[in-house]
Amino acid sequence: DKNKYEVIIINDFSEDETLNIIKECENKLSMHL
């Protein structure tokens, strides 16, 4: 159940495109992120 779990991404000072890719994916995801 999507309402019974959350996903927490903790960015440890990434120096590449990690954050931008996550933002691009975020709108396509139904889970709590």
Full PDB file with SEQRES, HELIX, SHEET, SSBOND, CRYST1, ORIGX, SCALE, CONECT and MASTER records, all heavy atoms in Angstrom:
SEQRES   1 A   33  ASP LYS ASN LYS TYR GLU VAL ILE ILE ILE ASN ASP PHE          
SEQRES   2 A   33  SER GLU ASP GLU THR LEU ASN ILE ILE LYS GLU CYS GLU          
SEQRES   3 A   33  ASN LYS LEU SER MET HIS LEU                                  
HELIX    1 AA1 LYS A    2  LYS A    4  5                                   3    
HELIX    2 AA2 THR A   18  GLU A   26  1                                   9    
CRYST1    1.000    1.000    1.000  90.00  90.00  90.00 P 1           1          
ORIGX1      1.000000  0.000000  0.000000        0.00000                         
ORIGX2      0.000000  1.000000  0.000000        0.00000                         
ORIGX3      0.000000  0.000000  1.000000        0.00000                         
SCALE1      1.000000  0.000000  0.000000        0.00000                         
SCALE2      0.000000  1.000000  0.000000        0.00000                         
SCALE3      0.000000  0.000000  1.000000        0.00000                         
ATOM      1  N   ASP A   1       0.842  -1.203   0.000  1.00  0.00           N  
ATOM      2  CA  ASP A   1       0.000   0.000   0.000  1.00  0.00           C  
ATOM      3  C   ASP A   1       0.878   1.254   0.000  1.00  0.00           C  
ATOM      4  O   ASP A   1       1.699   1.451   0.895  1.00  0.00           O  
ATOM      5  CB  ASP A   1      -0.893  -0.025   1.244  1.00  0.00           C  
ATOM      6  CG  ASP A   1      -1.911   1.117   1.279  1.00  0.00           C  
ATOM      7  OD1 ASP A   1      -1.744   2.087   0.518  1.00  0.00           O  
ATOM      8  OD2 ASP A   1      -2.844   1.027   2.078  1.00  0.00           O  
ATOM      9  N   LYS A   2       0.708   2.093  -1.011  1.00  0.00           N  
ATOM     10  CA  LYS A   2       1.549   3.290  -1.142  1.00  0.00           C  
ATOM     11  C   LYS A   2       1.411   4.229   0.049  1.00  0.00           C  
ATOM     12  O   LYS A   2       2.298   5.031   0.330  1.00  0.00           O  
ATOM     13  CB  LYS A   2       1.193   4.042  -2.429  1.00  0.00           C  
ATOM     14  CG  LYS A   2       1.610   3.318  -3.715  1.00  0.00           C  
ATOM     15  CD  LYS A   2       3.110   3.303  -3.864  1.00  0.00           C  
ATOM     16  CE  LYS A   2       3.556   2.800  -5.231  1.00  0.00           C  
ATOM     17  NZ  LYS A   2       3.264   1.377  -5.450  1.00  0.00           N  
ATOM     18  N   ASN A   3       0.299   4.140   0.763  1.00  0.00           N  
ATOM     19  CA  ASN A   3       0.096   4.987   1.933  1.00  0.00           C  
ATOM     20  C   ASN A   3       0.752   4.418   3.186  1.00  0.00           C  
ATOM     21  O   ASN A   3       0.706   5.052   4.248  1.00  0.00           O  
ATOM     22  CB  ASN A   3      -1.403   5.172   2.198  1.00  0.00           C  
ATOM     23  CG  ASN A   3      -2.076   5.978   1.110  1.00  0.00           C  
ATOM     24  OD1 ASN A   3      -1.538   6.993   0.654  1.00  0.00           O  
ATOM     25  ND2 ASN A   3      -3.255   5.542   0.678  1.00  0.00           N  
ATOM     26  N   LYS A   4       1.362   3.239   3.067  1.00  0.00           N  
ATOM     27  CA  LYS A   4       1.959   2.602   4.236  1.00  0.00           C  
ATOM     28  C   LYS A   4       3.481   2.525   4.153  1.00  0.00           C  
ATOM     29  O   LYS A   4       4.109   1.856   4.956  1.00  0.00           O  
ATOM     30  CB  LYS A   4       1.376   1.202   4.430  1.00  0.00           C  
ATOM     31  CG  LYS A   4      -0.130   1.213   4.665  1.00  0.00           C  
ATOM     32  CD  LYS A   4      -0.650  -0.126   5.100  1.00  0.00           C  
ATOM     33  CE  LYS A   4      -0.350  -0.420   6.546  1.00  0.00           C  
ATOM     34  NZ  LYS A   4      -1.011  -1.634   7.045  1.00  0.00           N  
ATOM     35  N   TYR A   5       4.062   3.225   3.153  1.00  0.00           N  
ATOM     36  CA  TYR A   5       5.524   3.325   3.152  1.00  0.00           C  
ATOM     37  C   TYR A   5       5.970   4.627   2.504  1.00  0.00           C  
ATOM     38  O   TYR A   5       5.283   5.186   1.651  1.00  0.00           O  
ATOM     39  CB  TYR A   5       6.170   2.112   2.478  1.00  0.00           C  
ATOM     40  CG  TYR A   5       6.152   2.073   0.976  1.00  0.00           C  
ATOM     41  CD1 TYR A   5       7.261   2.518   0.233  1.00  0.00           C  
ATOM     42  CD2 TYR A   5       5.063   1.538   0.284  1.00  0.00           C  
ATOM     43  CE1 TYR A   5       7.263   2.442  -1.153  1.00  0.00           C  
ATOM     44  CE2 TYR A   5       5.067   1.457  -1.097  1.00  0.00           C  
ATOM     45  CZ  TYR A   5       6.162   1.912  -1.814  1.00  0.00           C  
ATOM     46  OH  TYR A   5       6.168   1.836  -3.191  1.00  0.00           O  
ATOM     47  N   GLU A   6       7.090   5.100   2.977  1.00  0.00           N  
ATOM     48  CA  GLU A   6       7.708   6.302   2.421  1.00  0.00           C  
ATOM     49  C   GLU A   6       9.150   5.974   2.046  1.00  0.00           C  
ATOM     50  O   GLU A   6       9.773   5.081   2.616  1.00  0.00           O  
ATOM     51  CB  GLU A   6       7.684   7.443   3.449  1.00  0.00           C  
ATOM     52  CG  GLU A   6       8.475   7.142   4.710  1.00  0.00           C  
ATOM     53  CD  GLU A   6       8.558   8.320   5.674  1.00  0.00           C  
ATOM     54  OE1 GLU A   6       8.188   9.443   5.293  1.00  0.00           O  
ATOM     55  OE2 GLU A   6       9.008   8.104   6.825  1.00  0.00           O  
ATOM     56  N   VAL A   7       9.670   6.697   1.073  1.00  0.00           N  
ATOM     57  CA  VAL A   7      11.058   6.554   0.645  1.00  0.00           C  
ATOM     58  C   VAL A   7      11.764   7.881   0.879  1.00  0.00           C  
ATOM     59  O   VAL A   7      11.304   8.929   0.419  1.00  0.00           O  
ATOM     60  CB  VAL A   7      11.153   6.152  -0.841  1.00  0.00           C  
ATOM     61  CG1 VAL A   7      12.615   6.121  -1.292  1.00  0.00           C  
ATOM     62  CG2 VAL A   7      10.490   4.797  -1.071  1.00  0.00           C  
ATOM     63  N   ILE A   8      12.856   7.817   1.622  1.00  0.00           N  
ATOM     64  CA  ILE A   8      13.610   9.026   1.967  1.00  0.00           C  
ATOM     65  C   ILE A   8      14.979   8.946   1.309  1.00  0.00           C  
ATOM     66  O   ILE A   8      15.775   8.068   1.628  1.00  0.00           O  
ATOM     67  CB  ILE A   8      13.761   9.163   3.497  1.00  0.00           C  
ATOM     68  CG1 ILE A   8      12.391   9.153   4.171  1.00  0.00           C  
ATOM     69  CG2 ILE A   8      14.524  10.438   3.840  1.00  0.00           C  
ATOM     70  CD1 ILE A   8      12.454   9.078   5.689  1.00  0.00           C  
ATOM     71  N   ILE A   9      15.243   9.854   0.396  1.00  0.00           N  
ATOM     72  CA  ILE A   9      16.539   9.943  -0.263  1.00  0.00           C  
ATOM     73  C   ILE A   9      17.357  11.016   0.452  1.00  0.00           C  
ATOM     74  O   ILE A   9      16.928  12.173   0.542  1.00  0.00           O  
ATOM     75  CB  ILE A   9      16.398  10.318  -1.750  1.00  0.00           C  
ATOM     76  CG1 ILE A   9      15.463   9.337  -2.480  1.00  0.00           C  
ATOM     77  CG2 ILE A   9      17.770  10.391  -2.412  1.00  0.00           C  
ATOM     78  CD1 ILE A   9      16.022   7.956  -2.632  1.00  0.00           C  
ATOM     79  N   ILE A  10      18.509  10.646   0.974  1.00  0.00           N  
ATOM     80  CA  ILE A  10      19.388  11.604   1.637  1.00  0.00           C  
ATOM     81  C   ILE A  10      20.608  11.843   0.741  1.00  0.00           C  
ATOM     82  O   ILE A  10      21.406  10.931   0.521  1.00  0.00           O  
ATOM     83  CB  ILE A  10      19.848  11.112   3.022  1.00  0.00           C  
ATOM     84  CG1 ILE A  10      18.633  10.750   3.880  1.00  0.00           C  
ATOM     85  CG2 ILE A  10      20.687  12.187   3.706  1.00  0.00           C  
ATOM     86  CD1 ILE A  10      17.736  11.910   4.221  1.00  0.00           C  
ATOM     87  N   ASN A  11      20.712  13.045   0.227  1.00  0.00           N  
ATOM     88  CA  ASN A  11      21.800  13.390  -0.683  1.00  0.00           C  
ATOM     89  C   ASN A  11      23.036  13.829   0.105  1.00  0.00           C  
ATOM     90  O   ASN A  11      23.026  14.832   0.801  1.00  0.00           O  
ATOM     91  CB  ASN A  11      21.349  14.513  -1.623  1.00  0.00           C  
ATOM     92  CG  ASN A  11      22.474  14.996  -2.509  1.00  0.00           C  
ATOM     93  OD1 ASN A  11      23.271  14.203  -3.008  1.00  0.00           O  
ATOM     94  ND2 ASN A  11      22.553  16.306  -2.693  1.00  0.00           N  
ATOM     95  N   ASP A  12      24.094  13.063  -0.044  1.00  0.00           N  
ATOM     96  CA  ASP A  12      25.354  13.334   0.656  1.00  0.00           C  
ATOM     97  C   ASP A  12      26.305  14.114  -0.261  1.00  0.00           C  
ATOM     98  O   ASP A  12      27.330  13.617  -0.699  1.00  0.00           O  
ATOM     99  CB  ASP A  12      25.982  11.997   1.099  1.00  0.00           C  
ATOM    100  CG  ASP A  12      27.283  12.174   1.876  1.00  0.00           C  
ATOM    101  OD1 ASP A  12      27.567  13.302   2.320  1.00  0.00           O  
ATOM    102  OD2 ASP A  12      28.018  11.179   2.007  1.00  0.00           O  
ATOM    103  N   PHE A  13      25.907  15.340  -0.578  1.00  0.00           N  
ATOM    104  CA  PHE A  13      26.734  16.263  -1.371  1.00  0.00           C  
ATOM    105  C   PHE A  13      27.162  15.653  -2.716  1.00  0.00           C  
ATOM    106  O   PHE A  13      28.345  15.652  -3.063  1.00  0.00           O  
ATOM    107  CB  PHE A  13      27.967  16.710  -0.567  1.00  0.00           C  
ATOM    108  CG  PHE A  13      27.629  17.447   0.695  1.00  0.00           C  
ATOM    109  CD1 PHE A  13      27.600  16.759   1.906  1.00  0.00           C  
ATOM    110  CD2 PHE A  13      27.307  18.787   0.677  1.00  0.00           C  
ATOM    111  CE1 PHE A  13      27.260  17.422   3.083  1.00  0.00           C  
ATOM    112  CE2 PHE A  13      26.962  19.461   1.850  1.00  0.00           C  
ATOM    113  CZ  PHE A  13      26.951  18.790   3.051  1.00  0.00           C  
ATOM    114  N   SER A  14      26.188  15.142  -3.449  1.00  0.00           N  
ATOM    115  CA  SER A  14      26.486  14.610  -4.778  1.00  0.00           C  
ATOM    116  C   SER A  14      27.019  15.714  -5.683  1.00  0.00           C  
ATOM    117  O   SER A  14      26.562  16.865  -5.634  1.00  0.00           O  
ATOM    118  CB  SER A  14      25.224  14.007  -5.400  1.00  0.00           C  
ATOM    119  OG  SER A  14      24.819  12.851  -4.706  1.00  0.00           O  
ATOM    120  N   GLU A  15      27.973  15.344  -6.526  1.00  0.00           N  
ATOM    121  CA  GLU A  15      28.614  16.305  -7.422  1.00  0.00           C  
ATOM    122  C   GLU A  15      28.283  16.039  -8.886  1.00  0.00           C  
ATOM    123  O   GLU A  15      28.891  16.624  -9.781  1.00  0.00           O  
ATOM    124  CB  GLU A  15      30.133  16.252  -7.208  1.00  0.00           C  
ATOM    125  CG  GLU A  15      30.543  16.616  -5.780  1.00  0.00           C  
ATOM    126  CD  GLU A  15      31.990  16.261  -5.471  1.00  0.00           C  
ATOM    127  OE1 GLU A  15      32.495  15.281  -6.067  1.00  0.00           O  
ATOM    128  OE2 GLU A  15      32.603  16.952  -4.650  1.00  0.00           O  
ATOM    129  N   ASP A  16      27.335  15.140  -9.124  1.00  0.00           N  
ATOM    130  CA  ASP A  16      26.942  14.820 -10.498  1.00  0.00           C  
ATOM    131  C   ASP A  16      25.463  15.169 -10.695  1.00  0.00           C  
ATOM    132  O   ASP A  16      24.945  16.063 -10.050  1.00  0.00           O  
ATOM    133  CB  ASP A  16      27.239  13.355 -10.801  1.00  0.00           C  
ATOM    134  CG  ASP A  16      26.447  12.408  -9.896  1.00  0.00           C  
ATOM    135  OD1 ASP A  16      25.670  12.908  -9.045  1.00  0.00           O  
ATOM    136  OD2 ASP A  16      26.598  11.191 -10.041  1.00  0.00           O  
ATOM    137  N   GLU A  17      24.790  14.464 -11.571  1.00  0.00           N  
ATOM    138  CA  GLU A  17      23.399  14.773 -11.914  1.00  0.00           C  
ATOM    139  C   GLU A  17      22.384  13.984 -11.078  1.00  0.00           C  
ATOM    140  O   GLU A  17      21.210  13.913 -11.451  1.00  0.00           O  
ATOM    141  CB  GLU A  17      23.180  14.485 -13.398  1.00  0.00           C  
ATOM    142  CG  GLU A  17      23.942  15.412 -14.336  1.00  0.00           C  
ATOM    143  CD  GLU A  17      23.551  16.868 -14.140  1.00  0.00           C  
ATOM    144  OE1 GLU A  17      22.326  17.168 -14.170  1.00  0.00           O  
ATOM    145  OE2 GLU A  17      24.453  17.700 -13.927  1.00  0.00           O  
ATOM    146  N   THR A  18      22.815  13.402  -9.983  1.00  0.00           N  
ATOM    147  CA  THR A  18      21.915  12.570  -9.179  1.00  0.00           C  
ATOM    148  C   THR A  18      20.631  13.299  -8.807  1.00  0.00           C  
ATOM    149  O   THR A  18      19.513  12.793  -9.024  1.00  0.00           O  
ATOM    150  CB  THR A  18      22.623  12.092  -7.895  1.00  0.00           C  
ATOM    151  OG1 THR A  18      23.751  11.299  -8.240  1.00  0.00           O  
ATOM    152  CG2 THR A  18      21.679  11.262  -7.037  1.00  0.00           C  
ATOM    153  N   LEU A  19      20.748  14.486  -8.253  1.00  0.00           N  
ATOM    154  CA  LEU A  19      19.562  15.230  -7.804  1.00  0.00           C  
ATOM    155  C   LEU A  19      18.648  15.604  -8.960  1.00  0.00           C  
ATOM    156  O   LEU A  19      17.412  15.527  -8.841  1.00  0.00           O  
ATOM    157  CB  LEU A  19      19.983  16.485  -7.044  1.00  0.00           C  
ATOM    158  CG  LEU A  19      20.284  16.317  -5.548  1.00  0.00           C  
ATOM    159  CD1 LEU A  19      20.667  17.653  -4.926  1.00  0.00           C  
ATOM    160  CD2 LEU A  19      19.096  15.717  -4.808  1.00  0.00           C  
ATOM    161  N   ASN A  20      19.217  16.015 -10.078  1.00  0.00           N  
ATOM    162  CA  ASN A  20      18.402  16.388 -11.236  1.00  0.00           C  
ATOM    163  C   ASN A  20      17.623  15.190 -11.770  1.00  0.00           C  
ATOM    164  O   ASN A  20      16.458  15.314 -12.167  1.00  0.00           O  
ATOM    165  CB  ASN A  20      19.285  16.966 -12.344  1.00  0.00           C  
ATOM    166  CG  ASN A  20      19.852  18.332 -11.972  1.00  0.00           C  
ATOM    167  OD1 ASN A  20      19.245  19.071 -11.205  1.00  0.00           O  
ATOM    168  ND2 ASN A  20      21.010  18.671 -12.520  1.00  0.00           N  
ATOM    169  N   ILE A  21      18.247  14.032 -11.769  1.00  0.00           N  
ATOM    170  CA  ILE A  21      17.568  12.818 -12.236  1.00  0.00           C  
ATOM    171  C   ILE A  21      16.419  12.463 -11.297  1.00  0.00           C  
ATOM    172  O   ILE A  21      15.324  12.081 -11.746  1.00  0.00           O  
ATOM    173  CB  ILE A  21      18.572  11.653 -12.345  1.00  0.00           C  
ATOM    174  CG1 ILE A  21      19.586  11.939 -13.448  1.00  0.00           C  
ATOM    175  CG2 ILE A  21      17.853  10.338 -12.616  1.00  0.00           C  
ATOM    176  CD1 ILE A  21      20.719  10.946 -13.532  1.00  0.00           C  
ATOM    177  N   ILE A  22      16.651  12.594  -9.987  1.00  0.00           N  
ATOM    178  CA  ILE A  22      15.593  12.308  -9.017  1.00  0.00           C  
ATOM    179  C   ILE A  22      14.405  13.245  -9.245  1.00  0.00           C  
ATOM    180  O   ILE A  22      13.244  12.827  -9.222  1.00  0.00           O  
ATOM    181  CB  ILE A  22      16.120  12.438  -7.573  1.00  0.00           C  
ATOM    182  CG1 ILE A  22      17.160  11.351  -7.287  1.00  0.00           C  
ATOM    183  CG2 ILE A  22      14.969  12.336  -6.576  1.00  0.00           C  
ATOM    184  CD1 ILE A  22      17.842  11.496  -5.942  1.00  0.00           C  
ATOM    185  N   LYS A  23      14.687  14.511  -9.480  1.00  0.00           N  
ATOM    186  CA  LYS A  23      13.613  15.489  -9.718  1.00  0.00           C  
ATOM    187  C   LYS A  23      12.836  15.164 -10.983  1.00  0.00           C  
ATOM    188  O   LYS A  23      11.611  15.335 -11.036  1.00  0.00           O  
ATOM    189  CB  LYS A  23      14.217  16.890  -9.802  1.00  0.00           C  
ATOM    190  CG  LYS A  23      14.722  17.419  -8.469  1.00  0.00           C  
ATOM    191  CD  LYS A  23      15.381  18.790  -8.610  1.00  0.00           C  
ATOM    192  CE  LYS A  23      15.919  19.278  -7.261  1.00  0.00           C  
ATOM    193  NZ  LYS A  23      16.609  20.590  -7.390  1.00  0.00           N  
ATOM    194  N   GLU A  24      13.530  14.692 -12.006  1.00  0.00           N  
ATOM    195  CA  GLU A  24      12.854  14.310 -13.249  1.00  0.00           C  
ATOM    196  C   GLU A  24      11.939  13.107 -13.029  1.00  0.00           C  
ATOM    197  O   GLU A  24      10.873  13.001 -13.644  1.00  0.00           O  
ATOM    198  CB  GLU A  24      13.891  13.987 -14.325  1.00  0.00           C  
ATOM    199  CG  GLU A  24      14.649  15.205 -14.837  1.00  0.00           C  
ATOM    200  CD  GLU A  24      15.738  14.823 -15.825  1.00  0.00           C  
ATOM    201  OE1 GLU A  24      15.832  13.616 -16.155  1.00  0.00           O  
ATOM    202  OE2 GLU A  24      16.494  15.713 -16.262  1.00  0.00           O  
ATOM    203  N   CYS A  25      12.367  12.193 -12.167  1.00  0.00           N  
ATOM    204  CA  CYS A  25      11.588  10.981 -11.890  1.00  0.00           C  
ATOM    205  C   CYS A  25      10.429  11.249 -10.937  1.00  0.00           C  
ATOM    206  O   CYS A  25       9.416  10.519 -10.968  1.00  0.00           O  
ATOM    207  CB  CYS A  25      12.483   9.899 -11.294  1.00  0.00           C  
ATOM    208  SG  CYS A  25      13.793   9.285 -12.387  1.00  0.00           S  
ATOM    209  N   GLU A  26      10.578  12.236 -10.098  1.00  0.00           N  
ATOM    210  CA  GLU A  26       9.649  12.448  -8.983  1.00  0.00           C  
ATOM    211  C   GLU A  26       8.204  12.575  -9.436  1.00  0.00           C  
ATOM    212  O   GLU A  26       7.286  12.014  -8.816  1.00  0.00           O  
ATOM    213  CB  GLU A  26      10.074  13.695  -8.198  1.00  0.00           C  
ATOM    214  CG  GLU A  26       9.471  13.781  -6.813  1.00  0.00           C  
ATOM    215  CD  GLU A  26      10.150  14.832  -5.962  1.00  0.00           C  
ATOM    216  OE1 GLU A  26      11.066  15.526  -6.448  1.00  0.00           O  
ATOM    217  OE2 GLU A  26       9.738  14.975  -4.785  1.00  0.00           O  
ATOM    218  N   ASN A  27       7.957  13.299 -10.507  1.00  0.00           N  
ATOM    219  CA  ASN A  27       6.586  13.511 -10.975  1.00  0.00           C  
ATOM    220  C   ASN A  27       5.947  12.252 -11.541  1.00  0.00           C  
ATOM    221  O   ASN A  27       4.719  12.183 -11.679  1.00  0.00           O  
ATOM    222  CB  ASN A  27       6.562  14.620 -12.032  1.00  0.00           C  
ATOM    223  CG  ASN A  27       6.947  15.972 -11.453  1.00  0.00           C  
ATOM    224  OD1 ASN A  27       6.716  16.240 -10.277  1.00  0.00           O  
ATOM    225  ND2 ASN A  27       7.537  16.832 -12.278  1.00  0.00           N  
ATOM    226  N   LYS A  28       6.767  11.263 -11.871  1.00  0.00           N  
ATOM    227  CA  LYS A  28       6.254  10.017 -12.436  1.00  0.00           C  
ATOM    228  C   LYS A  28       5.971   8.972 -11.367  1.00  0.00           C  
ATOM    229  O   LYS A  28       5.438   7.904 -11.676  1.00  0.00           O  
ATOM    230  CB  LYS A  28       7.260   9.452 -13.437  1.00  0.00           C  
ATOM    231  CG  LYS A  28       7.687  10.431 -14.527  1.00  0.00           C  
ATOM    232  CD  LYS A  28       8.814   9.837 -15.363  1.00  0.00           C  
ATOM    233  CE  LYS A  28       9.375  10.849 -16.343  1.00  0.00           C  
ATOM    234  NZ  LYS A  28      10.529  10.299 -17.103  1.00  0.00           N  
ATOM    235  N   LEU A  29       6.354   9.262 -10.111  1.00  0.00           N  
ATOM    236  CA  LEU A  29       6.243   8.285  -9.034  1.00  0.00           C  
ATOM    237  C   LEU A  29       4.997   8.519  -8.208  1.00  0.00           C  
ATOM    238  O   LEU A  29       4.632   9.665  -7.917  1.00  0.00           O  
ATOM    239  CB  LEU A  29       7.486   8.353  -8.139  1.00  0.00           C  
ATOM    240  CG  LEU A  29       8.836   8.127  -8.824  1.00  0.00           C  
ATOM    241  CD1 LEU A  29       9.976   8.396  -7.849  1.00  0.00           C  
ATOM    242  CD2 LEU A  29       8.927   6.698  -9.373  1.00  0.00           C  
ATOM    243  N   SER A  30       4.350   7.442  -7.798  1.00  0.00           N  
ATOM    244  CA  SER A  30       3.163   7.553  -6.943  1.00  0.00           C  
ATOM    245  C   SER A  30       3.484   7.298  -5.477  1.00  0.00           C  
ATOM    246  O   SER A  30       2.662   7.571  -4.606  1.00  0.00           O  
ATOM    247  CB  SER A  30       2.091   6.563  -7.416  1.00  0.00           C  
ATOM    248  OG  SER A  30       2.574   5.236  -7.350  1.00  0.00           O  
ATOM    249  N   MET A  31       4.663   6.767  -5.193  1.00  0.00           N  
ATOM    250  CA  MET A  31       5.042   6.521  -3.798  1.00  0.00           C  
ATOM    251  C   MET A  31       5.379   7.846  -3.108  1.00  0.00           C  
ATOM    252  O   MET A  31       5.657   8.859  -3.759  1.00  0.00           O  
ATOM    253  CB  MET A  31       6.246   5.578  -3.723  1.00  0.00           C  
ATOM    254  CG  MET A  31       7.507   6.143  -4.340  1.00  0.00           C  
ATOM    255  SD  MET A  31       8.855   4.923  -4.321  1.00  0.00           S  
ATOM    256  CE  MET A  31      10.192   5.866  -5.057  1.00  0.00           C  
ATOM    257  N   HIS A  32       5.342   7.814  -1.781  1.00  0.00           N  
ATOM    258  CA  HIS A  32       5.681   9.004  -1.000  1.00  0.00           C  
ATOM    259  C   HIS A  32       7.203   9.148  -0.956  1.00  0.00           C  
ATOM    260  O   HIS A  32       7.892   8.318  -0.371  1.00  0.00           O  
ATOM    261  CB  HIS A  32       5.115   8.889   0.415  1.00  0.00           C  
ATOM    262  CG  HIS A  32       3.615   8.866   0.457  1.00  0.00           C  
ATOM    263  ND1 HIS A  32       2.854   9.997   0.351  1.00  0.00           N  
ATOM    264  CD2 HIS A  32       2.742   7.824   0.555  1.00  0.00           C  
ATOM    265  CE1 HIS A  32       1.558   9.677   0.405  1.00  0.00           C  
ATOM    266  NE2 HIS A  32       1.476   8.357   0.528  1.00  0.00           N  
ATOM    267  N   LEU A  33       7.704  10.187  -1.576  1.00  0.00           N  
ATOM    268  CA  LEU A  33       9.145  10.380  -1.707  1.00  0.00           C  
ATOM    269  C   LEU A  33       9.575  11.690  -1.065  1.00  0.00           C  
ATOM    270  O   LEU A  33       8.985  12.752  -1.330  1.00  0.00           O  
ATOM    271  CB  LEU A  33       9.541  10.378  -3.183  1.00  0.00           C  
ATOM    272  CG  LEU A  33      11.024  10.581  -3.501  1.00  0.00           C  
ATOM    273  CD1 LEU A  33      11.859   9.405  -2.998  1.00  0.00           C  
ATOM    274  CD2 LEU A  33      11.225  10.768  -5.009  1.00  0.00           C  
TER     275      LEU A  33                                                      
MASTER        0    0    0    2    0    0    0    6  274    1    0    3          
END                                                                             
